[in-house]
Amino acid sequence: MDIESFMLAENGWVPNNDRLPVVVYHAALKGEGGDLAERIEALFADHGWPPDWRDGVFDYHHYHSTAHEALGVFSGKATLELGGPDGRRIEVSTGDALLLPVGTGHRRISASDDFQVVGAYPQGMHWDICREAPDEAVRARMAALPDPRHDPVTGETGIRTGA
């Protein structure tokens, strides 16, 4: 597994996260389809990130203000844009996973017809969808959100710092 982490600065209306990095786990798991989806769900759950859904990634810029998010690709490939308009583009494919800290903008630019991910959030956190600049209440909510207790893929305490 190749692990990449990076910080994203605030970008226009997208707040991103100035404390926690985005983490991309290339080739985190082998396999494909339903079996891989089940293994990703079990991996996330074992590390305190109960799986919540299976689907694609929205094609519009958005972020979550109430939860950190883990995504595990169990089918296909896609180009995602992280950080908001004109943000960082990354390629993901079957077996990859991502950790998106609260506030991280993301969208799908393109994808294969079979692109599917598992979405998970730390125990007790529930996601929302934000498509506009955060007001002071949203900023306060994001700042008060606790850091993840465990990495969703490796299970390590906390998450790795930006590199």
N, C-alpha and C. Protein backbone atom coordinates (compact mmCIF):
# COMPACT_ATOMS: atom_id res chain seq x y z
N MET A 1 0.85 -1.18 0.00
CA MET A 1 0.00 0.00 0.00
C MET A 1 0.90 1.24 0.00
N ASP A 2 0.54 2.18 -0.84
CA ASP A 2 1.24 3.46 -0.92
C ASP A 2 0.32 4.52 -0.30
N ILE A 3 0.80 5.21 0.74
CA ILE A 3 -0.02 6.20 1.44
C ILE A 3 0.51 7.60 1.15
N GLU A 4 -0.39 8.45 0.69
CA GLU A 4 -0.07 9.84 0.37
C GLU A 4 -0.94 10.73 1.25
N SER A 5 -0.36 11.77 1.83
CA SER A 5 -1.16 12.71 2.61
C SER A 5 -0.76 14.13 2.24
N PHE A 6 -1.73 15.03 2.28
CA PHE A 6 -1.47 16.42 1.93
C PHE A 6 -2.53 17.32 2.57
N MET A 7 -2.13 18.55 2.78
CA MET A 7 -3.02 19.57 3.34
C MET A 7 -3.66 20.36 2.20
N LEU A 8 -4.88 20.83 2.45
CA LEU A 8 -5.58 21.68 1.49
C LEU A 8 -5.97 22.97 2.19
N ALA A 9 -5.56 24.09 1.64
CA ALA A 9 -5.91 25.39 2.21
C ALA A 9 -7.34 25.76 1.83
N GLU A 10 -7.91 26.68 2.57
CA GLU A 10 -9.24 27.19 2.24
C GLU A 10 -9.20 27.66 0.78
N ASN A 11 -10.29 27.39 0.06
CA ASN A 11 -10.33 27.66 -1.38
C ASN A 11 -11.68 28.29 -1.71
N GLY A 12 -11.73 29.61 -1.82
CA GLY A 12 -12.99 30.27 -2.12
C GLY A 12 -14.01 29.98 -1.03
N TRP A 13 -15.14 29.40 -1.41
CA TRP A 13 -16.20 29.08 -0.45
C TRP A 13 -15.99 27.75 0.26
N VAL A 14 -15.00 26.97 -0.15
CA VAL A 14 -14.75 25.65 0.44
C VAL A 14 -13.74 25.79 1.58
N PRO A 15 -14.13 25.43 2.82
CA PRO A 15 -13.23 25.66 3.95
C PRO A 15 -12.03 24.74 4.00
N ASN A 16 -12.16 23.50 3.54
CA ASN A 16 -11.13 22.48 3.71
C ASN A 16 -10.78 22.35 5.19
N ASN A 17 -9.60 21.86 5.51
CA ASN A 17 -9.25 21.64 6.92
C ASN A 17 -7.80 22.08 7.12
N ASP A 18 -7.59 23.01 8.03
CA ASP A 18 -6.23 23.53 8.23
C ASP A 18 -5.44 22.77 9.29
N ARG A 19 -6.05 21.72 9.88
CA ARG A 19 -5.36 20.94 10.92
C ARG A 19 -5.06 19.50 10.49
N LEU A 20 -5.96 18.93 9.72
CA LEU A 20 -5.84 17.50 9.37
C LEU A 20 -5.66 17.32 7.87
N PRO A 21 -4.82 16.38 7.47
CA PRO A 21 -4.57 16.16 6.04
C PRO A 21 -5.60 15.24 5.41
N VAL A 22 -5.72 15.37 4.11
CA VAL A 22 -6.37 14.34 3.30
C VAL A 22 -5.38 13.19 3.23
N VAL A 23 -5.86 11.96 3.33
CA VAL A 23 -4.99 10.80 3.20
C VAL A 23 -5.54 9.91 2.09
N VAL A 24 -4.68 9.53 1.15
CA VAL A 24 -5.05 8.65 0.05
C VAL A 24 -4.24 7.37 0.21
N TYR A 25 -4.93 6.25 0.26
CA TYR A 25 -4.31 4.93 0.42
C TYR A 25 -4.44 4.22 -0.93
N HIS A 26 -3.37 4.23 -1.71
CA HIS A 26 -3.38 3.56 -3.00
C HIS A 26 -3.17 2.06 -2.79
N ALA A 27 -4.01 1.26 -3.42
CA ALA A 27 -3.92 -0.21 -3.32
C ALA A 27 -4.01 -0.69 -1.88
N ALA A 28 -4.97 -0.15 -1.13
CA ALA A 28 -5.15 -0.55 0.26
C ALA A 28 -5.62 -2.00 0.38
N LEU A 29 -6.46 -2.43 -0.54
CA LEU A 29 -6.99 -3.80 -0.54
C LEU A 29 -7.05 -4.33 -1.97
N LYS A 30 -6.90 -5.63 -2.10
CA LYS A 30 -7.01 -6.28 -3.40
C LYS A 30 -8.39 -6.89 -3.55
N GLY A 31 -8.81 -7.09 -4.79
CA GLY A 31 -10.10 -7.71 -5.08
C GLY A 31 -10.99 -6.73 -5.82
N GLU A 32 -12.27 -7.09 -5.96
CA GLU A 32 -13.23 -6.21 -6.60
C GLU A 32 -14.64 -6.64 -6.29
N GLY A 33 -15.58 -5.75 -6.57
CA GLY A 33 -16.99 -6.06 -6.46
C GLY A 33 -17.49 -6.20 -5.03
N GLY A 34 -18.59 -6.96 -4.89
CA GLY A 34 -19.25 -7.13 -3.60
C GLY A 34 -18.36 -7.68 -2.51
N ASP A 35 -17.49 -8.63 -2.85
CA ASP A 35 -16.58 -9.18 -1.84
C ASP A 35 -15.64 -8.09 -1.31
N LEU A 36 -15.10 -7.28 -2.21
CA LEU A 36 -14.22 -6.20 -1.78
C LEU A 36 -15.00 -5.17 -0.96
N ALA A 37 -16.21 -4.85 -1.37
CA ALA A 37 -17.04 -3.90 -0.61
C ALA A 37 -17.23 -4.40 0.81
N GLU A 38 -17.53 -5.67 0.97
CA GLU A 38 -17.71 -6.24 2.30
C GLU A 38 -16.43 -6.17 3.12
N ARG A 39 -15.29 -6.43 2.48
CA ARG A 39 -14.01 -6.36 3.20
C ARG A 39 -13.66 -4.93 3.60
N ILE A 40 -13.96 -3.95 2.72
CA ILE A 40 -13.74 -2.54 3.07
C ILE A 40 -14.64 -2.16 4.25
N GLU A 41 -15.90 -2.55 4.18
CA GLU A 41 -16.83 -2.24 5.27
C GLU A 41 -16.35 -2.84 6.59
N ALA A 42 -15.87 -4.07 6.56
CA ALA A 42 -15.37 -4.71 7.78
C ALA A 42 -14.11 -4.00 8.30
N LEU A 43 -13.21 -3.62 7.39
CA LEU A 43 -11.99 -2.91 7.78
C LEU A 43 -12.34 -1.58 8.44
N PHE A 44 -13.19 -0.79 7.80
CA PHE A 44 -13.59 0.49 8.37
C PHE A 44 -14.26 0.28 9.73
N ALA A 45 -15.20 -0.66 9.81
CA ALA A 45 -15.92 -0.90 11.07
C ALA A 45 -14.97 -1.33 12.18
N ASP A 46 -14.00 -2.19 11.86
CA ASP A 46 -13.03 -2.64 12.86
C ASP A 46 -12.22 -1.49 13.45
N HIS A 47 -12.11 -0.39 12.70
CA HIS A 47 -11.32 0.77 13.15
C HIS A 47 -12.19 1.93 13.64
N GLY A 48 -13.48 1.63 13.91
CA GLY A 48 -14.37 2.64 14.49
C GLY A 48 -15.04 3.56 13.49
N TRP A 49 -15.08 3.14 12.22
CA TRP A 49 -15.72 3.91 11.16
C TRP A 49 -16.84 3.05 10.55
N PRO A 50 -18.01 2.97 11.16
CA PRO A 50 -19.08 2.12 10.62
C PRO A 50 -19.47 2.54 9.21
N PRO A 51 -19.55 1.59 8.28
CA PRO A 51 -19.96 1.93 6.92
C PRO A 51 -21.40 2.41 6.91
N ASP A 52 -21.68 3.37 6.02
CA ASP A 52 -23.00 3.99 5.98
C ASP A 52 -23.71 3.78 4.66
N TRP A 53 -22.97 3.71 3.54
CA TRP A 53 -23.60 3.59 2.23
C TRP A 53 -22.63 3.04 1.20
N ARG A 54 -23.21 2.62 0.06
CA ARG A 54 -22.46 2.24 -1.14
C ARG A 54 -23.06 3.01 -2.30
N ASP A 55 -22.21 3.68 -3.07
CA ASP A 55 -22.69 4.47 -4.21
C ASP A 55 -21.48 5.08 -4.90
N GLY A 56 -21.69 6.11 -5.70
CA GLY A 56 -20.61 6.84 -6.34
C GLY A 56 -20.28 8.08 -5.52
N VAL A 57 -19.61 9.03 -6.14
CA VAL A 57 -19.29 10.32 -5.51
C VAL A 57 -20.02 11.38 -6.33
N PHE A 58 -20.67 12.33 -5.65
CA PHE A 58 -21.40 13.38 -6.35
C PHE A 58 -20.49 14.12 -7.33
N ASP A 59 -21.09 14.60 -8.43
CA ASP A 59 -20.32 15.33 -9.44
C ASP A 59 -20.31 16.83 -9.19
N TYR A 60 -20.77 17.27 -8.04
CA TYR A 60 -20.72 18.69 -7.69
C TYR A 60 -19.87 18.88 -6.44
N HIS A 61 -19.26 20.06 -6.33
CA HIS A 61 -18.43 20.38 -5.18
C HIS A 61 -19.29 20.40 -3.93
N HIS A 62 -18.81 19.76 -2.88
CA HIS A 62 -19.48 19.77 -1.59
C HIS A 62 -18.48 19.40 -0.51
N TYR A 63 -18.87 19.63 0.73
CA TYR A 63 -18.06 19.22 1.87
C TYR A 63 -19.02 18.85 2.99
N HIS A 64 -18.48 18.22 4.02
CA HIS A 64 -19.28 17.84 5.19
C HIS A 64 -18.82 18.68 6.38
N SER A 65 -19.77 19.19 7.14
CA SER A 65 -19.42 20.03 8.29
C SER A 65 -19.64 19.32 9.62
N THR A 66 -20.17 18.09 9.57
CA THR A 66 -20.51 17.37 10.80
C THR A 66 -19.77 16.05 10.96
N ALA A 67 -18.91 15.72 10.01
CA ALA A 67 -18.22 14.42 10.08
C ALA A 67 -17.00 14.39 9.17
N HIS A 68 -16.01 13.61 9.59
CA HIS A 68 -14.90 13.22 8.71
C HIS A 68 -15.46 12.08 7.86
N GLU A 69 -14.87 11.83 6.68
CA GLU A 69 -15.40 10.80 5.79
C GLU A 69 -14.29 9.89 5.30
N ALA A 70 -14.59 8.59 5.25
CA ALA A 70 -13.69 7.61 4.63
C ALA A 70 -14.42 7.04 3.42
N LEU A 71 -13.70 6.91 2.32
CA LEU A 71 -14.24 6.31 1.11
C LEU A 71 -13.35 5.15 0.71
N GLY A 72 -13.95 4.03 0.34
CA GLY A 72 -13.22 2.87 -0.14
C GLY A 72 -13.74 2.46 -1.50
N VAL A 73 -12.89 2.48 -2.51
CA VAL A 73 -13.30 2.16 -3.89
C VAL A 73 -13.35 0.64 -4.05
N PHE A 74 -14.54 0.12 -4.33
CA PHE A 74 -14.65 -1.33 -4.52
C PHE A 74 -14.92 -1.73 -5.97
N SER A 75 -15.07 -0.74 -6.85
CA SER A 75 -15.27 -1.06 -8.26
C SER A 75 -14.95 0.17 -9.11
N GLY A 76 -14.26 -0.05 -10.23
CA GLY A 76 -14.03 0.99 -11.20
C GLY A 76 -12.92 1.96 -10.85
N LYS A 77 -12.95 3.08 -11.56
CA LYS A 77 -11.94 4.12 -11.35
C LYS A 77 -12.58 5.48 -11.59
N ALA A 78 -11.94 6.52 -11.04
CA ALA A 78 -12.48 7.87 -11.20
C ALA A 78 -11.39 8.91 -11.04
N THR A 79 -11.68 10.10 -11.55
CA THR A 79 -10.88 11.27 -11.26
C THR A 79 -11.71 12.13 -10.32
N LEU A 80 -11.15 12.43 -9.16
CA LEU A 80 -11.82 13.26 -8.17
C LEU A 80 -11.08 14.58 -8.06
N GLU A 81 -11.82 15.63 -7.71
CA GLU A 81 -11.22 16.93 -7.44
C GLU A 81 -11.43 17.22 -5.96
N LEU A 82 -10.33 17.42 -5.24
CA LEU A 82 -10.38 17.66 -3.81
C LEU A 82 -10.00 19.10 -3.52
N GLY A 83 -10.69 19.71 -2.57
CA GLY A 83 -10.33 21.06 -2.15
C GLY A 83 -11.17 22.16 -2.74
N GLY A 84 -12.13 21.85 -3.61
CA GLY A 84 -12.98 22.87 -4.21
C GLY A 84 -12.60 23.17 -5.64
N PRO A 85 -13.24 24.20 -6.23
CA PRO A 85 -12.97 24.54 -7.63
C PRO A 85 -11.48 24.77 -7.88
N ASP A 86 -11.01 24.18 -8.97
CA ASP A 86 -9.59 24.25 -9.34
C ASP A 86 -8.70 23.66 -8.25
N GLY A 87 -9.22 22.65 -7.55
CA GLY A 87 -8.48 21.98 -6.49
C GLY A 87 -7.54 20.92 -7.03
N ARG A 88 -7.15 20.03 -6.15
CA ARG A 88 -6.19 18.96 -6.50
C ARG A 88 -6.95 17.78 -7.11
N ARG A 89 -6.51 17.36 -8.27
CA ARG A 89 -7.14 16.21 -8.96
C ARG A 89 -6.35 14.96 -8.63
N ILE A 90 -7.09 13.91 -8.30
CA ILE A 90 -6.45 12.63 -8.03
C ILE A 90 -7.18 11.53 -8.78
N GLU A 91 -6.44 10.49 -9.11
CA GLU A 91 -7.00 9.30 -9.74
C GLU A 91 -7.16 8.23 -8.67
N VAL A 92 -8.33 7.62 -8.61
CA VAL A 92 -8.55 6.50 -7.68
C VAL A 92 -9.10 5.32 -8.47
N SER A 93 -8.80 4.13 -7.97
CA SER A 93 -9.28 2.92 -8.63
C SER A 93 -9.55 1.84 -7.60
N THR A 94 -10.09 0.75 -8.07
CA THR A 94 -10.47 -0.37 -7.21
C THR A 94 -9.35 -0.69 -6.21
N GLY A 95 -9.73 -0.73 -4.93
CA GLY A 95 -8.80 -1.05 -3.87
C GLY A 95 -8.22 0.16 -3.16
N ASP A 96 -8.44 1.37 -3.71
CA ASP A 96 -7.96 2.59 -3.06
C ASP A 96 -8.94 3.04 -1.98
N ALA A 97 -8.46 3.84 -1.04
CA ALA A 97 -9.31 4.43 0.00
C ALA A 97 -8.86 5.86 0.23
N LEU A 98 -9.74 6.66 0.80
CA LEU A 98 -9.44 8.06 1.11
C LEU A 98 -9.99 8.40 2.48
N LEU A 99 -9.29 9.29 3.16
CA LEU A 99 -9.79 9.90 4.39
C LEU A 99 -9.91 11.39 4.11
N LEU A 100 -11.14 11.92 4.22
CA LEU A 100 -11.40 13.33 3.97
C LEU A 100 -11.79 13.98 5.29
N PRO A 101 -10.92 14.80 5.87
CA PRO A 101 -11.28 15.47 7.12
C PRO A 101 -12.46 16.41 6.92
N VAL A 102 -13.18 16.67 7.99
CA VAL A 102 -14.31 17.59 7.96
C VAL A 102 -13.93 18.86 7.21
N GLY A 103 -14.83 19.34 6.35
CA GLY A 103 -14.60 20.57 5.60
C GLY A 103 -13.93 20.39 4.26
N THR A 104 -13.43 19.18 3.96
CA THR A 104 -12.71 18.94 2.71
C THR A 104 -13.67 18.89 1.52
N GLY A 105 -13.48 19.82 0.59
CA GLY A 105 -14.29 19.81 -0.63
C GLY A 105 -13.93 18.63 -1.50
N HIS A 106 -14.95 18.07 -2.15
CA HIS A 106 -14.70 16.97 -3.07
C HIS A 106 -15.84 16.83 -4.08
N ARG A 107 -15.48 16.29 -5.24
CA ARG A 107 -16.45 15.98 -6.29
C ARG A 107 -15.83 14.99 -7.26
N ARG A 108 -16.68 14.33 -8.02
CA ARG A 108 -16.25 13.43 -9.10
C ARG A 108 -16.19 14.24 -10.39
N ILE A 109 -15.05 14.16 -11.07
CA ILE A 109 -14.92 14.80 -12.39
C ILE A 109 -15.34 13.83 -13.48
N SER A 110 -14.82 12.62 -13.40
CA SER A 110 -15.16 11.58 -14.37
C SER A 110 -15.02 10.23 -13.69
N ALA A 111 -15.68 9.23 -14.25
CA ALA A 111 -15.61 7.89 -13.66
C ALA A 111 -16.00 6.85 -14.68
N SER A 112 -15.50 5.64 -14.48
CA SER A 112 -15.94 4.51 -15.28
C SER A 112 -17.39 4.20 -14.90
N ASP A 113 -18.10 3.51 -15.76
CA ASP A 113 -19.51 3.19 -15.51
C ASP A 113 -19.71 2.36 -14.24
N ASP A 114 -18.69 1.61 -13.85
CA ASP A 114 -18.83 0.72 -12.69
C ASP A 114 -18.24 1.31 -11.40
N PHE A 115 -17.89 2.60 -11.39
CA PHE A 115 -17.28 3.22 -10.22
C PHE A 115 -18.23 3.20 -9.03
N GLN A 116 -17.77 2.62 -7.91
CA GLN A 116 -18.56 2.54 -6.68
C GLN A 116 -17.63 2.60 -5.48
N VAL A 117 -18.11 3.26 -4.42
CA VAL A 117 -17.35 3.37 -3.19
C VAL A 117 -18.23 3.00 -2.00
N VAL A 118 -17.57 2.66 -0.90
CA VAL A 118 -18.19 2.54 0.41
C VAL A 118 -17.92 3.85 1.13
N GLY A 119 -18.93 4.43 1.77
CA GLY A 119 -18.75 5.64 2.57
C GLY A 119 -18.90 5.31 4.05
N ALA A 120 -18.01 5.84 4.88
CA ALA A 120 -18.05 5.57 6.32
C ALA A 120 -17.65 6.82 7.08
N TYR A 121 -18.10 6.89 8.34
CA TYR A 121 -17.86 8.04 9.20
C TYR A 121 -17.51 7.54 10.59
N PRO A 122 -16.71 8.28 11.35
CA PRO A 122 -16.38 7.83 12.70
C PRO A 122 -17.64 7.57 13.53
N GLN A 123 -17.54 6.58 14.39
CA GLN A 123 -18.65 6.20 15.27
C GLN A 123 -19.29 7.45 15.89
N GLY A 124 -20.61 7.57 15.75
CA GLY A 124 -21.35 8.66 16.36
C GLY A 124 -21.45 9.92 15.51
N MET A 125 -20.74 9.98 14.38
CA MET A 125 -20.83 11.15 13.51
C MET A 125 -21.79 10.88 12.36
N HIS A 126 -22.54 11.90 11.99
CA HIS A 126 -23.52 11.80 10.91
C HIS A 126 -23.25 12.90 9.90
N TRP A 127 -23.28 12.56 8.64
CA TRP A 127 -22.87 13.48 7.58
C TRP A 127 -23.98 14.44 7.17
N ASP A 128 -23.57 15.55 6.63
CA ASP A 128 -24.45 16.51 5.99
C ASP A 128 -23.81 16.85 4.65
N ILE A 129 -24.47 17.66 3.85
CA ILE A 129 -23.91 18.10 2.58
C ILE A 129 -23.97 19.62 2.55
N CYS A 130 -22.81 20.24 2.38
CA CYS A 130 -22.71 21.70 2.31
C CYS A 130 -22.23 22.10 0.93
N ARG A 131 -22.93 23.07 0.32
CA ARG A 131 -22.58 23.52 -1.03
C ARG A 131 -22.40 25.03 -1.10
N GLU A 132 -22.18 25.64 0.07
CA GLU A 132 -21.92 27.08 0.09
C GLU A 132 -20.95 27.39 1.21
N ALA A 133 -20.45 28.61 1.22
CA ALA A 133 -19.46 29.01 2.23
C ALA A 133 -20.01 28.82 3.64
N PRO A 134 -19.16 28.39 4.55
CA PRO A 134 -19.62 28.20 5.93
C PRO A 134 -19.82 29.54 6.63
N ASP A 135 -20.90 29.62 7.42
CA ASP A 135 -21.06 30.80 8.26
C ASP A 135 -20.32 30.54 9.58
N GLU A 136 -20.39 31.45 10.51
CA GLU A 136 -19.66 31.30 11.77
C GLU A 136 -20.11 30.07 12.56
N ALA A 137 -21.41 29.75 12.51
CA ALA A 137 -21.91 28.58 13.23
C ALA A 137 -21.33 27.29 12.64
N VAL A 138 -21.26 27.21 11.32
CA VAL A 138 -20.69 26.02 10.67
C VAL A 138 -19.20 25.93 10.99
N ARG A 139 -18.49 27.03 10.92
CA ARG A 139 -17.06 27.03 11.26
C ARG A 139 -16.83 26.57 12.70
N ALA A 140 -17.67 27.04 13.62
CA ALA A 140 -17.54 26.64 15.03
C ALA A 140 -17.82 25.15 15.19
N ARG A 141 -18.83 24.64 14.49
CA ARG A 141 -19.16 23.21 14.55
C ARG A 141 -17.99 22.37 14.03
N MET A 142 -17.39 22.79 12.92
CA MET A 142 -16.26 22.03 12.36
C MET A 142 -15.07 22.08 13.30
N ALA A 143 -14.79 23.24 13.88
CA ALA A 143 -13.65 23.38 14.79
C ALA A 143 -13.82 22.53 16.05
N ALA A 144 -15.07 22.35 16.47
CA ALA A 144 -15.35 21.59 17.69
C ALA A 144 -15.40 20.08 17.46
N LEU A 145 -15.46 19.66 16.20
CA LEU A 145 -15.55 18.23 15.90
C LEU A 145 -14.25 17.53 16.32
N PRO A 146 -14.34 16.47 17.10
CA PRO A 146 -13.11 15.79 17.52
C PRO A 146 -12.39 15.13 16.34
N ASP A 147 -11.06 15.06 16.44
CA ASP A 147 -10.28 14.34 15.45
C ASP A 147 -10.66 12.87 15.49
N PRO A 148 -10.52 12.17 14.37
CA PRO A 148 -10.79 10.72 14.39
C PRO A 148 -9.89 10.02 15.41
N ARG A 149 -10.44 9.08 16.14
CA ARG A 149 -9.65 8.35 17.14
C ARG A 149 -8.70 7.37 16.48
N HIS A 150 -9.11 6.81 15.34
CA HIS A 150 -8.28 5.82 14.64
C HIS A 150 -8.33 6.06 13.14
N ASP A 151 -7.24 5.76 12.49
CA ASP A 151 -7.17 5.79 11.04
C ASP A 151 -8.12 4.71 10.52
N PRO A 152 -8.97 5.02 9.53
CA PRO A 152 -9.95 4.03 9.06
C PRO A 152 -9.35 2.83 8.34
N VAL A 153 -8.15 2.98 7.80
CA VAL A 153 -7.52 1.89 7.03
C VAL A 153 -6.48 1.15 7.86
N THR A 154 -5.57 1.87 8.50
CA THR A 154 -4.49 1.21 9.22
C THR A 154 -4.86 0.88 10.66
N GLY A 155 -5.85 1.58 11.20
CA GLY A 155 -6.24 1.37 12.59
C GLY A 155 -5.35 2.09 13.59
N GLU A 156 -4.31 2.79 13.10
CA GLU A 156 -3.41 3.51 14.00
C GLU A 156 -4.20 4.57 14.76
N THR A 157 -3.73 4.91 15.94
CA THR A 157 -4.36 5.97 16.72
C THR A 157 -4.15 7.30 16.01
N GLY A 158 -5.22 8.07 15.84
CA GLY A 158 -5.15 9.35 15.12
C GLY A 158 -4.98 9.12 13.64
N ILE A 159 -4.65 10.20 12.94
CA ILE A 159 -4.36 10.08 11.51
C ILE A 159 -3.02 10.73 11.21
N ARG A 160 -2.39 10.28 10.16
CA ARG A 160 -1.04 10.75 9.86
C ARG A 160 -1.06 12.23 9.49
N THR A 161 0.03 12.89 9.72
CA THR A 161 0.13 14.32 9.41
C THR A 161 0.42 14.51 7.94
N GLY A 162 0.17 15.71 7.46
CA GLY A 162 0.41 16.04 6.06
C GLY A 162 1.87 15.90 5.70
N ALA A 163 2.13 15.53 4.45
CA ALA A 163 3.51 15.38 3.99
C ALA A 163 3.68 16.03 2.65
